């Protein structure tokens, strides 16, 4: 009962918190009030507002993360779509309000820095775009800017629109808004969605130009990244509808409102010439024709053709190699068997001929008979139809969600599934009565209602009467999330197959979700598929698999699965990883990931715990003449006493006695249960150490972790140069080796692997590397070697004449002293001092072990081995050598 009450209290608290957030931020315009407060707080402060930026960023992050923290039964207004839409409306209203207040201070408004309100709006909009809701933001911005542009263009004023926009605070505020968005990714995503939204709204070319000009003209002229985004990325990398391409060229290349014919001399044409040069250099390459998609080729061809339509012959003569490149591109396209590709060549050749000789254009195709050319080539028409269809569905869904949120918030918050079904049943006829447009496209999967048919009114009324009269018919959910169609992944072979399908992102994501769990279960097939699974996990691109904004989660799942593979199946996994580490097909980030995985797996193996049942020693003496062994206490006792039982317990190393106990019955009239009598003097810890703990499973695999990775590190291969440009990978490799030798501390494997590691560290290309990052890693690995070697191992090595180990330890001392004296890096100095302290401790302990061995040899009349003189260990700040 207490658990149920606790759960109900938690649900109630979460519901109250959600209602409070909705009340404060949405109903009472709390986000708008925040923006106003930030504007007031910096009114009399330093104009740079640097002191305010951390607080602005933190508050914007908290506001944008509200939908992420919404629980299952939270209000619908806390979903990301509606929440971001509502706060966007508030912030845009705040900007318009601020512009109205500064209408009499135009000159001052154009010169002042961004205040707290604008900075807060920019930070919040950046977070919204980062969370994948840039379409919501763009639709609201386009709605308001379009209304403002239409008011100016339809005002019939004698003043040029550019002068009106440049002097009106209601116009300037939009460029200030874009300046406040400091995140380049957010600006790019918002720009793409703005262009698509303008295409959906079917605005005119003039309206689109002034909307883009209002938002981006300041950024375009003052920021190189924005200028590159428009003239490079949006023309060569992206694919927009042709109307958007016209607007991009009009704003970023022609830099003037839409006019017919070539550009006048009043406009700067150098940008046009540079753009044509870049476009034709890409368009003319045969590789572009063979490898680029048909949509990309059509888009670049249209951009080149539209630019040629604005050029004159004199301007064409100023360009470099444009004529030759155009002829080259036309020739390679005319050779193509694809009719669409040849049509692109004919269209560009037609525009080019009109520049050379407008009176005698060149017709290479029957489709180029008129003066206008269809630059869509029949490709983007389908895309435009799909875009408009998806937009209408989105608007219907938006209307439905908005209608659902119009009910009181207290009812909306606490609606259960059964109540929602009841509301649907009662409001079914009302929904049909309120339908204004019977031809409106309605998606049943989004409405969760029965589809509206095109029957006559009488038939419709009859069907409604029959539905209402039949109480046995219950409404049900018609939506289908395809969960029953998704194949459940329960085998490692299925994981490998799903990750290799590049066209199934959902399947790959589900495979990453279950990969670690399946590997940790250690099925019989693991040893056979471990190599393939490791290779597939390393090569999969999480950015292609995960949803936008969740790439880090997918990377973490991939990382954990690889660590689990190394821990559960080390030898097979390491065999594949060692081949991939120096493979030319991997990039630096993948090599670093492999080394990080090996480091973490080594630490997990070193810290593992295995429970084993303790071996119980049986009695070695028994008798057959008596029913009871001789070493047990006498069986005499009160009636009802139980038999003697041996109590197993771990005491000292020499246990010559055992302990036995039995239960005694209570005495007559005694309520308390009788006590247990115990024999022997052992401690009363009955359950202590009934299971033995076995630590550190890593030493068995230490050689497999270290030796293949150390082999060939200094060889320069295709795409691999650890001693040169890939020094970060070299530092990570040395760090991993240091962790591995440390994980094998105090084990014989450490003394066997230490000489090989020290030999690698001693090479001049490593220990004298020009990058301090690598030198720090070498000092760390050397310290790990000192920690891993037991002093008795060092003493044994000296007695046995192991010159490799003794010379390696001496090198650590001398090199650390040299680093302390000459290295300019502060961290290297600190690590070298720590290394010297560890070396002194090891030398001291080894010297004591040697003195003990020397006294033992002398007591037995045996001399020290002659090989002892071959190795020396010097204790720093001392004249003693061993």
Foldseek 3Di string as FASTA:
>chain_A
DVVVVVVVVVVVVLLVVLVVCCVQCFVVVNLLVVLVVQQVVCPPPDQVCPVPLVVLLVVLVVLLCQLVPRDDLHFLCSHLLNVVLRNLVSLVVSLLVVLVVCQVPQVVVVPGADTRNLLSLQSNLLSSVLVPNLLSNLLVLCVVLLVVLVCQVPVPDPDDSVVVLSRRSSLQSQQSNLVSNPDPSSSLSNVVSNLLSCLLVVDDQQSLLSSCCSNPVVVCVPPPSVLCCLLPCVQQPDFDPVSSLVSSCVCNQQNHRDDDFADDPVTDNPSLLVSLVVLLVQLLDLCCVVPPDPRNNLRSLSNNLVSLRRDALVSVVPHDCSVVSLVNNLVSQCPDPDPLSNVSSQSSQQSNQCRVPVVDGDGPDPQPPDPDDDSSSPPCVVVSVVSNVVVLAVVVLVVVSVVLVVPDSVCSSPQDPVNVQVCCVVCVVVVVVPDPDLPRDYDCQRVQDDDDDPDDPVVVVVVVVVVVVDPVDGRDGPHDPCPVVDDQDDDVVQLLVQLPPLVCLVSVQNSLVCLQVNLLVPDPCCLVCLLSSLVSLLPRQLVSNDDSSCSVVSVVSSLNNLLSSCQNHPQSNLVNLLCVLPDLVDALVSNLSSLVSLLVSQVCLQADKDWAADDDDDDPDADDVDPDGPQDDDPDDDPPKDDKDWQDDDDDPDDPDTKIWIFDADDVPDPDGDDIDMDDDDDPPRPPCSIDIDGRPQLVCLCSSQVSLLPPQCDDDNNHHCLPPSVVSVLSNLLSNLSSLLSQAPHPSNVVCVLVNLVSCPDCSQCVRPDVSSVLSSLSSLLSSLRRDDLVSVLVCLLVLVLSVQVSLVCLQVSLVVCCVDPPDPSSNVSSVVSLVSLLVSVVSNVVVNVVVCVVCVVVPHHGDPSNVNGWRDRPPDPDID
